[in-house]
Amino acid sequence: MSEIRKTRRLYRNLGYVTVFIYFRFFHAPYDLAETLVPRQGKIMDLGCGYGFFANLLGLASKKRDVMGVEFSDRKLQYADQGVENVRFINEDITKLTVIDCDAIILFHVLHHLHSHNQQQRLLKEAYKKLKKGGKLIVVEIDNKPLWKFLFTVAIDATLYIGNWFYYRTEKQFIELFERLDFTVEKIVPAHRFVPLSHKIYVCRK
């Protein structure tokens, strides 16, 4: 059984959480993003939500020490599914004291923050927490293909009624990462076969 299927099985019979997780699995590039994360070391999943990706990372490699961080205690009620090398904490992701991480992941987090300035502040904090040579992996929404971007905006507006979203173009993300002294190693389009306009940025400190 694949790690994706094993992770999905952890979230069975949880009502609306199960529905949400299965919908996310349908459109989010979890399997592709997992292959870009180091196979071992200290991994932090910031804004981990219900913990799906953090649990997937732990199941895919026992050599990973995964920490999921989420501000919503409601979501964290469902995150800890007993994966032995994964733990979760209820904290503000900008105020963590953890340092020397091998990788930090921001999976659909940045565009949900309250401003572009807040995005920059969070990425500055991520830079401080990474060890030299550590990876920053950002899964975000791109404005291309246009129809998929517009569909993505419509989905976000439906799921998060009343919220504003702060998307960036690929060029804007590259400029932001380089301004913060990250080296952009790889940009991976991740919208093939799914209706949303995902893109994955792999950066190194």
N, C-alpha and C. Protein backbone atom coordinates (compact mmCIF):
# COMPACT_ATOMS: atom_id res chain seq x y z
N MET A 1 0.85 -1.20 0.00
CA MET A 1 0.00 0.00 0.00
C MET A 1 0.89 1.25 0.00
N SER A 2 0.59 2.22 -0.86
CA SER A 2 1.39 3.43 -0.94
C SER A 2 1.23 4.26 0.32
N GLU A 3 2.21 5.16 0.57
CA GLU A 3 2.15 6.03 1.74
C GLU A 3 0.95 6.97 1.67
N ILE A 4 0.60 7.40 0.45
CA ILE A 4 -0.58 8.26 0.30
C ILE A 4 -1.82 7.54 0.78
N ARG A 5 -1.99 6.30 0.35
CA ARG A 5 -3.18 5.53 0.76
C ARG A 5 -3.16 5.26 2.26
N LYS A 6 -1.98 4.95 2.81
CA LYS A 6 -1.87 4.74 4.24
C LYS A 6 -2.27 5.99 5.01
N THR A 7 -1.83 7.14 4.52
CA THR A 7 -2.14 8.40 5.20
C THR A 7 -3.63 8.70 5.11
N ARG A 8 -4.21 8.46 3.96
CA ARG A 8 -5.65 8.69 3.80
C ARG A 8 -6.46 7.82 4.77
N ARG A 9 -5.97 6.59 4.98
CA ARG A 9 -6.69 5.67 5.86
C ARG A 9 -6.71 6.18 7.31
N LEU A 10 -5.72 6.97 7.66
CA LEU A 10 -5.69 7.53 9.02
C LEU A 10 -6.86 8.46 9.29
N TYR A 11 -7.41 9.02 8.23
CA TYR A 11 -8.45 10.05 8.37
C TYR A 11 -9.85 9.53 8.03
N ARG A 12 -10.05 8.25 8.10
CA ARG A 12 -11.38 7.71 7.84
C ARG A 12 -12.34 8.00 9.00
N ASN A 13 -13.60 8.11 8.65
CA ASN A 13 -14.68 8.22 9.65
C ASN A 13 -14.54 9.43 10.58
N LEU A 14 -14.09 10.55 10.01
CA LEU A 14 -13.96 11.78 10.79
C LEU A 14 -14.91 12.88 10.29
N GLY A 15 -15.97 12.47 9.61
CA GLY A 15 -16.97 13.43 9.18
C GLY A 15 -16.44 14.42 8.16
N TYR A 16 -16.67 15.71 8.44
CA TYR A 16 -16.28 16.74 7.47
C TYR A 16 -14.78 16.79 7.27
N VAL A 17 -14.00 16.36 8.28
CA VAL A 17 -12.55 16.35 8.12
C VAL A 17 -12.15 15.33 7.05
N THR A 18 -12.78 14.18 7.06
CA THR A 18 -12.52 13.17 6.04
C THR A 18 -12.85 13.71 4.65
N VAL A 19 -13.98 14.37 4.52
CA VAL A 19 -14.38 14.95 3.23
C VAL A 19 -13.37 15.99 2.77
N PHE A 20 -12.95 16.86 3.69
CA PHE A 20 -11.98 17.91 3.36
C PHE A 20 -10.64 17.30 2.93
N ILE A 21 -10.17 16.31 3.69
CA ILE A 21 -8.89 15.67 3.37
C ILE A 21 -8.94 15.00 2.00
N TYR A 22 -10.02 14.31 1.70
CA TYR A 22 -10.14 13.63 0.41
C TYR A 22 -10.21 14.64 -0.73
N PHE A 23 -10.86 15.78 -0.50
CA PHE A 23 -10.90 16.83 -1.52
C PHE A 23 -9.50 17.39 -1.75
N ARG A 24 -8.77 17.62 -0.66
CA ARG A 24 -7.41 18.13 -0.78
C ARG A 24 -6.53 17.13 -1.52
N PHE A 25 -6.70 15.86 -1.21
CA PHE A 25 -5.91 14.84 -1.89
C PHE A 25 -6.17 14.85 -3.39
N PHE A 26 -7.40 15.13 -3.76
CA PHE A 26 -7.78 15.15 -5.17
C PHE A 26 -7.04 16.24 -5.94
N HIS A 27 -6.82 17.40 -5.31
CA HIS A 27 -6.26 18.51 -6.10
C HIS A 27 -4.86 18.96 -5.68
N ALA A 28 -4.35 18.53 -4.52
CA ALA A 28 -3.07 19.03 -4.04
C ALA A 28 -1.93 18.05 -4.37
N PRO A 29 -0.74 18.54 -4.72
CA PRO A 29 0.36 17.67 -5.17
C PRO A 29 1.16 17.07 -4.01
N TYR A 30 0.49 16.37 -3.11
CA TYR A 30 1.17 15.81 -1.95
C TYR A 30 2.28 14.83 -2.35
N ASP A 31 1.98 13.94 -3.29
CA ASP A 31 2.95 12.91 -3.66
C ASP A 31 4.21 13.52 -4.28
N LEU A 32 4.02 14.51 -5.14
CA LEU A 32 5.17 15.17 -5.77
C LEU A 32 5.97 15.97 -4.75
N ALA A 33 5.29 16.72 -3.89
CA ALA A 33 5.98 17.52 -2.88
C ALA A 33 6.78 16.64 -1.93
N GLU A 34 6.25 15.47 -1.59
CA GLU A 34 6.95 14.58 -0.66
C GLU A 34 8.31 14.17 -1.20
N THR A 35 8.42 13.97 -2.50
CA THR A 35 9.69 13.53 -3.09
C THR A 35 10.75 14.62 -3.04
N LEU A 36 10.35 15.86 -2.82
CA LEU A 36 11.29 16.98 -2.79
C LEU A 36 11.82 17.28 -1.38
N VAL A 37 11.25 16.60 -0.39
CA VAL A 37 11.64 16.79 1.01
C VAL A 37 12.77 15.83 1.35
N PRO A 38 13.81 16.29 2.08
CA PRO A 38 14.89 15.37 2.48
C PRO A 38 14.35 14.11 3.14
N ARG A 39 14.99 12.98 2.90
CA ARG A 39 14.52 11.70 3.42
C ARG A 39 14.85 11.51 4.90
N GLN A 40 15.71 12.37 5.43
CA GLN A 40 16.05 12.25 6.84
C GLN A 40 16.32 13.63 7.43
N GLY A 41 16.31 13.71 8.75
CA GLY A 41 16.59 14.97 9.42
C GLY A 41 15.35 15.59 10.05
N LYS A 42 15.53 16.78 10.60
CA LYS A 42 14.46 17.49 11.29
C LYS A 42 13.65 18.29 10.27
N ILE A 43 12.38 17.96 10.14
CA ILE A 43 11.49 18.58 9.15
C ILE A 43 10.37 19.31 9.89
N MET A 44 10.12 20.57 9.53
CA MET A 44 9.01 21.32 10.12
C MET A 44 7.99 21.65 9.05
N ASP A 45 6.74 21.31 9.33
CA ASP A 45 5.62 21.63 8.45
C ASP A 45 4.83 22.75 9.12
N LEU A 46 5.06 23.98 8.68
CA LEU A 46 4.45 25.14 9.31
C LEU A 46 3.06 25.40 8.75
N GLY A 47 2.09 25.59 9.65
CA GLY A 47 0.70 25.75 9.21
C GLY A 47 0.17 24.43 8.68
N CYS A 48 0.38 23.36 9.47
CA CYS A 48 0.13 22.00 8.97
C CYS A 48 -1.34 21.62 8.89
N GLY A 49 -2.24 22.47 9.43
CA GLY A 49 -3.66 22.16 9.36
C GLY A 49 -4.01 20.87 10.07
N TYR A 50 -4.69 19.97 9.38
CA TYR A 50 -5.09 18.68 9.95
C TYR A 50 -3.96 17.65 9.97
N GLY A 51 -2.77 18.05 9.55
CA GLY A 51 -1.61 17.19 9.68
C GLY A 51 -1.40 16.16 8.59
N PHE A 52 -2.15 16.26 7.49
CA PHE A 52 -2.08 15.23 6.46
C PHE A 52 -0.67 15.11 5.88
N PHE A 53 -0.07 16.24 5.48
CA PHE A 53 1.24 16.17 4.84
C PHE A 53 2.32 15.76 5.84
N ALA A 54 2.24 16.27 7.07
CA ALA A 54 3.21 15.88 8.09
C ALA A 54 3.18 14.37 8.32
N ASN A 55 1.98 13.80 8.42
CA ASN A 55 1.87 12.35 8.60
C ASN A 55 2.36 11.58 7.38
N LEU A 56 2.10 12.10 6.21
CA LEU A 56 2.61 11.46 5.00
C LEU A 56 4.13 11.44 5.00
N LEU A 57 4.75 12.56 5.39
CA LEU A 57 6.21 12.64 5.43
C LEU A 57 6.78 11.60 6.39
N GLY A 58 6.14 11.47 7.55
CA GLY A 58 6.61 10.50 8.53
C GLY A 58 6.47 9.06 8.07
N LEU A 59 5.36 8.74 7.42
CA LEU A 59 5.15 7.38 6.93
C LEU A 59 6.09 7.04 5.77
N ALA A 60 6.42 8.05 4.96
CA ALA A 60 7.25 7.81 3.78
C ALA A 60 8.72 7.57 4.13
N SER A 61 9.17 8.08 5.29
CA SER A 61 10.55 7.83 5.71
C SER A 61 10.65 7.89 7.22
N LYS A 62 11.03 6.78 7.83
CA LYS A 62 11.18 6.71 9.28
C LYS A 62 12.38 7.51 9.77
N LYS A 63 13.26 7.92 8.85
CA LYS A 63 14.45 8.70 9.23
C LYS A 63 14.13 10.19 9.37
N ARG A 64 12.91 10.57 9.05
CA ARG A 64 12.50 11.96 9.23
C ARG A 64 11.96 12.16 10.65
N ASP A 65 12.35 13.26 11.27
CA ASP A 65 11.77 13.69 12.53
C ASP A 65 10.88 14.89 12.20
N VAL A 66 9.58 14.64 12.13
CA VAL A 66 8.66 15.64 11.58
C VAL A 66 7.90 16.35 12.71
N MET A 67 7.89 17.67 12.63
CA MET A 67 7.10 18.47 13.56
C MET A 67 6.09 19.29 12.77
N GLY A 68 4.80 19.08 13.06
CA GLY A 68 3.75 19.88 12.45
C GLY A 68 3.35 21.00 13.41
N VAL A 69 3.26 22.21 12.90
CA VAL A 69 2.94 23.37 13.73
C VAL A 69 1.67 24.01 13.19
N GLU A 70 0.69 24.19 14.09
CA GLU A 70 -0.60 24.74 13.67
C GLU A 70 -1.17 25.61 14.79
N PHE A 71 -1.70 26.77 14.42
CA PHE A 71 -2.27 27.70 15.39
C PHE A 71 -3.68 27.30 15.81
N SER A 72 -4.39 26.59 14.94
CA SER A 72 -5.77 26.20 15.23
C SER A 72 -5.81 24.92 16.06
N ASP A 73 -6.20 25.06 17.33
CA ASP A 73 -6.28 23.85 18.15
C ASP A 73 -7.39 22.92 17.68
N ARG A 74 -8.42 23.48 17.02
CA ARG A 74 -9.49 22.65 16.46
C ARG A 74 -8.94 21.68 15.42
N LYS A 75 -8.08 22.17 14.53
CA LYS A 75 -7.50 21.30 13.50
C LYS A 75 -6.54 20.28 14.11
N LEU A 76 -5.82 20.70 15.13
CA LEU A 76 -4.85 19.80 15.73
C LEU A 76 -5.50 18.62 16.45
N GLN A 77 -6.77 18.74 16.78
CA GLN A 77 -7.48 17.61 17.39
C GLN A 77 -7.44 16.38 16.48
N TYR A 78 -7.32 16.61 15.17
CA TYR A 78 -7.36 15.51 14.20
C TYR A 78 -5.98 15.18 13.64
N ALA A 79 -4.96 15.97 13.97
CA ALA A 79 -3.66 15.81 13.33
C ALA A 79 -2.87 14.61 13.85
N ASP A 80 -2.85 14.43 15.15
CA ASP A 80 -2.04 13.37 15.73
C ASP A 80 -2.72 12.02 15.54
N GLN A 81 -2.23 11.28 14.55
CA GLN A 81 -2.81 9.98 14.22
C GLN A 81 -1.90 8.82 14.61
N GLY A 82 -0.95 9.11 15.50
CA GLY A 82 -0.13 8.03 16.05
C GLY A 82 1.07 7.62 15.21
N VAL A 83 1.46 8.42 14.22
CA VAL A 83 2.67 8.11 13.45
C VAL A 83 3.87 8.42 14.35
N GLU A 84 4.72 7.43 14.58
CA GLU A 84 5.70 7.51 15.66
C GLU A 84 6.76 8.60 15.50
N ASN A 85 7.11 8.96 14.30
CA ASN A 85 8.15 9.97 14.10
C ASN A 85 7.56 11.33 13.72
N VAL A 86 6.30 11.53 14.07
CA VAL A 86 5.62 12.81 13.79
C VAL A 86 5.01 13.33 15.08
N ARG A 87 5.22 14.60 15.36
CA ARG A 87 4.58 15.23 16.52
C ARG A 87 4.01 16.57 16.09
N PHE A 88 3.09 17.07 16.89
CA PHE A 88 2.40 18.31 16.55
C PHE A 88 2.40 19.24 17.75
N ILE A 89 2.53 20.54 17.46
CA ILE A 89 2.44 21.54 18.52
C ILE A 89 1.50 22.65 18.10
N ASN A 90 0.82 23.21 19.09
CA ASN A 90 -0.14 24.29 18.89
C ASN A 90 0.56 25.60 19.19
N GLU A 91 1.13 26.23 18.15
CA GLU A 91 1.92 27.44 18.32
C GLU A 91 1.71 28.39 17.15
N ASP A 92 2.05 29.65 17.38
CA ASP A 92 2.14 30.64 16.31
C ASP A 92 3.42 30.35 15.54
N ILE A 93 3.30 30.11 14.24
CA ILE A 93 4.46 29.69 13.45
C ILE A 93 5.53 30.76 13.34
N THR A 94 5.21 32.02 13.69
CA THR A 94 6.22 33.09 13.63
C THR A 94 6.99 33.23 14.94
N LYS A 95 6.61 32.46 15.98
CA LYS A 95 7.21 32.67 17.30
C LYS A 95 7.90 31.42 17.84
N LEU A 96 8.23 30.49 16.97
CA LEU A 96 8.86 29.25 17.41
C LEU A 96 10.32 29.48 17.76
N THR A 97 10.81 28.73 18.74
CA THR A 97 12.22 28.83 19.13
C THR A 97 13.05 27.71 18.52
N VAL A 98 12.42 26.79 17.79
CA VAL A 98 13.14 25.67 17.17
C VAL A 98 14.12 26.21 16.13
N ILE A 99 15.34 25.66 16.11
CA ILE A 99 16.33 26.07 15.12
C ILE A 99 17.01 24.82 14.54
N ASP A 100 17.88 25.06 13.55
CA ASP A 100 18.68 24.01 12.92
C ASP A 100 17.83 22.92 12.27
N CYS A 101 16.80 23.32 11.56
CA CYS A 101 15.98 22.37 10.80
C CYS A 101 16.66 22.02 9.48
N ASP A 102 16.45 20.79 9.04
CA ASP A 102 16.96 20.39 7.73
C ASP A 102 16.04 20.84 6.61
N ALA A 103 14.76 20.99 6.92
CA ALA A 103 13.80 21.47 5.91
C ALA A 103 12.60 22.10 6.60
N ILE A 104 12.08 23.14 5.98
CA ILE A 104 10.84 23.79 6.42
C ILE A 104 9.89 23.80 5.24
N ILE A 105 8.64 23.42 5.50
CA ILE A 105 7.63 23.33 4.45
C ILE A 105 6.51 24.31 4.74
N LEU A 106 6.10 25.03 3.71
CA LEU A 106 4.93 25.91 3.76
C LEU A 106 4.00 25.47 2.63
N PHE A 107 3.03 24.66 2.98
CA PHE A 107 2.14 24.06 1.97
C PHE A 107 0.82 24.81 1.98
N HIS A 108 0.62 25.67 0.98
CA HIS A 108 -0.59 26.48 0.87
C HIS A 108 -0.81 27.34 2.12
N VAL A 109 0.26 27.93 2.61
CA VAL A 109 0.19 28.79 3.79
C VAL A 109 0.28 30.26 3.44
N LEU A 110 1.22 30.62 2.59
CA LEU A 110 1.54 32.04 2.39
C LEU A 110 0.36 32.86 1.88
N HIS A 111 -0.40 32.35 0.93
CA HIS A 111 -1.48 33.19 0.38
C HIS A 111 -2.64 33.34 1.36
N HIS A 112 -2.63 32.56 2.45
CA HIS A 112 -3.67 32.70 3.47
C HIS A 112 -3.29 33.67 4.59
N LEU A 113 -2.06 34.17 4.57
CA LEU A 113 -1.66 35.16 5.57
C LEU A 113 -2.36 36.49 5.29
N HIS A 114 -2.19 37.46 6.19
CA HIS A 114 -2.99 38.68 6.13
C HIS A 114 -2.39 39.79 5.27
N SER A 115 -1.19 39.60 4.76
CA SER A 115 -0.57 40.62 3.91
C SER A 115 0.69 40.05 3.27
N HIS A 116 1.17 40.73 2.24
CA HIS A 116 2.45 40.35 1.65
C HIS A 116 3.59 40.59 2.63
N ASN A 117 3.47 41.62 3.46
CA ASN A 117 4.51 41.89 4.46
C ASN A 117 4.58 40.75 5.48
N GLN A 118 3.45 40.20 5.84
CA GLN A 118 3.45 39.08 6.78
C GLN A 118 4.11 37.85 6.16
N GLN A 119 3.91 37.66 4.87
CA GLN A 119 4.59 36.57 4.18
C GLN A 119 6.11 36.73 4.30
N GLN A 120 6.58 37.95 4.06
CA GLN A 120 8.02 38.21 4.12
C GLN A 120 8.57 37.97 5.52
N ARG A 121 7.82 38.41 6.53
CA ARG A 121 8.28 38.21 7.91
C ARG A 121 8.37 36.73 8.26
N LEU A 122 7.39 35.95 7.81
CA LEU A 122 7.42 34.52 8.08
C LEU A 122 8.61 33.85 7.39
N LEU A 123 8.88 34.23 6.16
CA LEU A 123 10.01 33.64 5.44
C LEU A 123 11.34 34.03 6.08
N LYS A 124 11.42 35.23 6.64
CA LYS A 124 12.62 35.62 7.38
C LYS A 124 12.83 34.71 8.58
N GLU A 125 11.74 34.42 9.29
CA GLU A 125 11.83 33.52 10.44
C GLU A 125 12.23 32.11 10.00
N ALA A 126 11.69 31.67 8.87
CA ALA A 126 12.05 30.35 8.35
C ALA A 126 13.55 30.29 8.04
N TYR A 127 14.09 31.35 7.49
CA TYR A 127 15.52 31.40 7.17
C TYR A 127 16.36 31.21 8.44
N LYS A 128 15.95 31.88 9.52
CA LYS A 128 16.69 31.79 10.78
C LYS A 128 16.67 30.37 11.35
N LYS A 129 15.58 29.67 11.14
CA LYS A 129 15.41 28.35 11.75
C LYS A 129 16.10 27.24 10.97
N LEU A 130 16.44 27.49 9.72
CA LEU A 130 17.11 26.47 8.91
C LEU A 130 18.60 26.44 9.20
N LYS A 131 19.17 25.23 9.20
CA LYS A 131 20.62 25.12 9.28
C LYS A 131 21.22 25.51 7.93
N LYS A 132 22.49 25.79 7.89
CA LYS A 132 23.16 26.13 6.64
C LYS A 132 23.00 24.98 5.65
N GLY A 133 22.49 25.29 4.48
CA GLY A 133 22.24 24.27 3.47
C GLY A 133 20.87 23.64 3.57
N GLY A 134 20.07 24.06 4.58
CA GLY A 134 18.72 23.52 4.74
C GLY A 134 17.78 23.96 3.63
N LYS A 135 16.70 23.20 3.45
CA LYS A 135 15.76 23.46 2.36
C LYS A 135 14.50 24.16 2.84
N LEU A 136 14.03 25.10 2.04
CA LEU A 136 12.70 25.67 2.19
C LEU A 136 11.87 25.18 1.01
N ILE A 137 10.74 24.55 1.30
CA ILE A 137 9.87 24.04 0.23
C ILE A 137 8.52 24.72 0.37
N VAL A 138 8.15 25.48 -0.65
CA VAL A 138 6.93 26.26 -0.64
C VAL A 138 6.01 25.77 -1.75
N VAL A 139 4.83 25.31 -1.37
CA VAL A 139 3.81 24.93 -2.34
C VAL A 139 2.79 26.06 -2.39
N GLU A 140 2.66 26.67 -3.56
CA GLU A 140 1.80 27.85 -3.67
C GLU A 140 0.99 27.83 -4.96
N ILE A 141 0.18 28.87 -5.09
CA ILE A 141 -0.70 29.01 -6.25
C ILE A 141 -0.05 29.94 -7.27
N ASP A 142 -0.05 29.52 -8.51
CA ASP A 142 0.51 30.34 -9.59
C ASP A 142 -0.63 30.96 -10.40
N ASN A 143 -0.31 32.03 -11.12
CA ASN A 143 -1.35 32.69 -11.93
C ASN A 143 -1.46 32.09 -13.34
N LYS A 144 -0.74 31.00 -13.58
CA LYS A 144 -0.81 30.31 -14.86
C LYS A 144 -0.95 28.82 -14.62
N PRO A 145 -1.72 28.10 -15.44
CA PRO A 145 -2.64 28.58 -16.47
C PRO A 145 -3.75 29.44 -15.86
N LEU A 146 -4.17 30.46 -16.62
CA LEU A 146 -5.11 31.44 -16.09
C LEU A 146 -6.42 30.80 -15.64
N TRP A 147 -6.95 29.85 -16.42
CA TRP A 147 -8.26 29.29 -16.05
C TRP A 147 -8.16 28.48 -14.75
N LYS A 148 -7.01 27.83 -14.56
CA LYS A 148 -6.83 27.09 -13.31
C LYS A 148 -6.64 28.05 -12.13
N PHE A 149 -5.96 29.16 -12.37
CA PHE A 149 -5.81 30.16 -11.32
C PHE A 149 -7.17 30.71 -10.91
N LEU A 150 -8.00 31.05 -11.88
CA LEU A 150 -9.33 31.59 -11.57
C LEU A 150 -10.19 30.56 -10.84
N PHE A 151 -10.05 29.31 -11.23
CA PHE A 151 -10.79 28.25 -10.54
C PHE A 151 -10.29 28.11 -9.10
N THR A 152 -8.99 28.23 -8.91
CA THR A 152 -8.40 28.17 -7.57
C THR A 152 -8.93 29.29 -6.70
N VAL A 153 -8.97 30.50 -7.24
CA VAL A 153 -9.49 31.65 -6.50
C VAL A 153 -10.94 31.40 -6.08
N ALA A 154 -11.72 30.83 -7.00
CA ALA A 154 -13.12 30.55 -6.70
C ALA A 154 -13.25 29.51 -5.57
N ILE A 155 -12.39 28.49 -5.59
CA ILE A 155 -12.41 27.48 -4.53
C ILE A 155 -12.05 28.09 -3.18
N ASP A 156 -10.98 28.90 -3.16
CA ASP A 156 -10.58 29.55 -1.91
C ASP A 156 -11.69 30.44 -1.36
N ALA A 157 -12.31 31.19 -2.26
CA ALA A 157 -13.38 32.10 -1.83
C ALA A 157 -14.58 31.35 -1.28
N THR A 158 -14.80 30.13 -1.79
CA THR A 158 -15.91 29.31 -1.31
C THR A 158 -15.61 28.67 0.04
N LEU A 159 -14.38 28.17 0.18
CA LEU A 159 -14.00 27.48 1.42
C LEU A 159 -13.72 28.45 2.56
N TYR A 160 -13.23 29.64 2.22
CA TYR A 160 -12.83 30.61 3.25
C TYR A 160 -13.57 31.92 3.01
N ILE A 161 -14.86 31.88 3.23
CA ILE A 161 -15.73 33.03 2.92
C ILE A 161 -15.31 34.26 3.71
N GLY A 162 -15.18 35.37 3.00
CA GLY A 162 -14.85 36.63 3.64
C GLY A 162 -13.37 36.92 3.78
N ASN A 163 -12.52 35.94 3.47
CA ASN A 163 -11.07 36.15 3.59
C ASN A 163 -10.50 36.79 2.33
N TRP A 164 -9.40 37.51 2.51
CA TRP A 164 -8.61 37.99 1.39
C TRP A 164 -7.44 37.06 1.18
N PHE A 165 -6.96 36.96 -0.07
CA PHE A 165 -5.86 36.05 -0.38
C PHE A 165 -4.75 36.83 -1.07
N TYR A 166 -3.51 36.49 -0.70
CA TYR A 166 -2.36 37.25 -1.17
C TYR A 166 -1.46 36.35 -2.02
N TYR A 167 -1.85 36.19 -3.27
CA TYR A 167 -1.10 35.39 -4.22
C TYR A 167 0.08 36.20 -4.76
N ARG A 168 1.07 35.49 -5.27
CA ARG A 168 2.20 36.12 -5.96
C ARG A 168 2.47 35.36 -7.26
N THR A 169 3.04 36.06 -8.23
CA THR A 169 3.48 35.41 -9.46
C THR A 169 4.81 34.71 -9.22
N GLU A 170 5.21 33.87 -10.15
CA GLU A 170 6.51 33.21 -10.04
C GLU A 170 7.64 34.24 -9.92
N LYS A 171 7.59 35.27 -10.74
CA LYS A 171 8.63 36.30 -10.70
C LYS A 171 8.68 36.96 -9.32
N GLN A 172 7.52 37.26 -8.76
CA GLN A 172 7.47 37.90 -7.45
C GLN A 172 8.01 36.99 -6.36
N PHE A 173 7.72 35.70 -6.45
CA PHE A 173 8.25 34.76 -5.47
C PHE A 173 9.78 34.67 -5.57
N ILE A 174 10.29 34.57 -6.78
CA ILE A 174 11.74 34.48 -6.96
C ILE A 174 12.42 35.72 -6.38
N GLU A 175 11.87 36.89 -6.68
CA GLU A 175 12.44 38.13 -6.15
C GLU A 175 12.41 38.15 -4.62
N LEU A 176 11.32 37.65 -4.05
CA LEU A 176 11.18 37.62 -2.59
C LEU A 176 12.20 36.67 -1.98
N PHE A 177 12.30 35.46 -2.51
CA PHE A 177 13.25 34.49 -1.95
C PHE A 177 14.69 35.01 -2.04
N GLU A 178 15.04 35.57 -3.18
CA GLU A 178 16.41 36.05 -3.35
C GLU A 178 16.70 37.26 -2.47
N ARG A 179 15.70 38.08 -2.25
CA ARG A 179 15.86 39.24 -1.36
C ARG A 179 16.15 38.79 0.07
N LEU A 180 15.64 37.61 0.43
CA LEU A 180 15.84 37.08 1.78
C LEU A 180 17.05 36.14 1.85
N ASP A 181 17.84 36.12 0.79
CA ASP A 181 19.10 35.35 0.73
C ASP A 181 18.90 33.85 0.52
N PHE A 182 17.72 33.43 0.12
CA PHE A 182 17.55 32.03 -0.29
C PHE A 182 18.07 31.87 -1.72
N THR A 183 18.57 30.68 -2.02
CA THR A 183 18.91 30.31 -3.38
C THR A 183 17.78 29.45 -3.94
N VAL A 184 17.18 29.88 -5.02
CA VAL A 184 16.10 29.12 -5.64
C VAL A 184 16.72 28.01 -6.49
N GLU A 185 16.57 26.77 -6.06
CA GLU A 185 17.20 25.65 -6.75
C GLU A 185 16.32 25.05 -7.84
N LYS A 186 15.02 25.04 -7.59
CA LYS A 186 14.13 24.34 -8.51
C LYS A 186 12.72 24.92 -8.38
N ILE A 187 12.05 25.04 -9.52
CA ILE A 187 10.64 25.44 -9.55
C ILE A 187 9.89 24.35 -10.31
N VAL A 188 8.93 23.73 -9.65
CA VAL A 188 8.26 22.56 -10.23
C VAL A 188 6.78 22.87 -10.46
N PRO A 189 6.34 22.98 -11.72
CA PRO A 189 4.89 23.10 -11.96
C PRO A 189 4.19 21.84 -11.46
N ALA A 190 3.08 22.01 -10.77
CA ALA A 190 2.42 20.84 -10.17
C ALA A 190 0.92 20.88 -10.40
N HIS A 191 0.52 21.37 -11.57
CA HIS A 191 -0.92 21.47 -11.87
C HIS A 191 -1.38 20.43 -12.88
N ARG A 192 -0.47 19.59 -13.35
CA ARG A 192 -0.85 18.61 -14.36
C ARG A 192 -1.84 17.59 -13.78
N PHE A 193 -2.90 17.35 -14.50
CA PHE A 193 -3.95 16.38 -14.13
C PHE A 193 -4.80 16.83 -12.94
N VAL A 194 -4.61 18.05 -12.45
CA VAL A 194 -5.45 18.57 -11.37
C VAL A 194 -5.99 19.93 -11.79
N PRO A 195 -7.11 20.37 -11.21
CA PRO A 195 -7.75 21.60 -11.68
C PRO A 195 -7.20 22.89 -11.09
N LEU A 196 -6.27 22.80 -10.13
CA LEU A 196 -5.75 24.00 -9.48
C LEU A 196 -4.32 24.29 -9.93
N SER A 197 -3.92 25.57 -9.82
CA SER A 197 -2.66 26.02 -10.43
C SER A 197 -1.49 25.98 -9.44
N HIS A 198 -1.11 24.79 -9.00
CA HIS A 198 -0.03 24.65 -8.03
C HIS A 198 1.35 24.84 -8.65
N LYS A 199 2.26 25.35 -7.81
CA LYS A 199 3.67 25.40 -8.19
C LYS A 199 4.49 25.19 -6.92
N ILE A 200 5.59 24.45 -7.05
CA ILE A 200 6.44 24.14 -5.89
C ILE A 200 7.80 24.81 -6.08
N TYR A 201 8.21 25.56 -5.05
CA TYR A 201 9.51 26.24 -5.05
C TYR A 201 10.43 25.52 -4.06
N VAL A 202 11.59 25.12 -4.53
CA VAL A 202 12.58 24.49 -3.66
C VAL A 202 13.76 25.45 -3.54
N CYS A 203 13.98 25.92 -2.31
CA CYS A 203 15.03 26.91 -2.06
C CYS A 203 16.01 26.35 -1.02
N ARG A 204 17.21 26.93 -1.01
CA ARG A 204 18.20 26.49 -0.03
C ARG A 204 18.83 27.69 0.66
N LYS A 205 19.10 27.51 1.93
CA LYS A 205 19.75 28.56 2.71
C LYS A 205 21.24 28.58 2.41
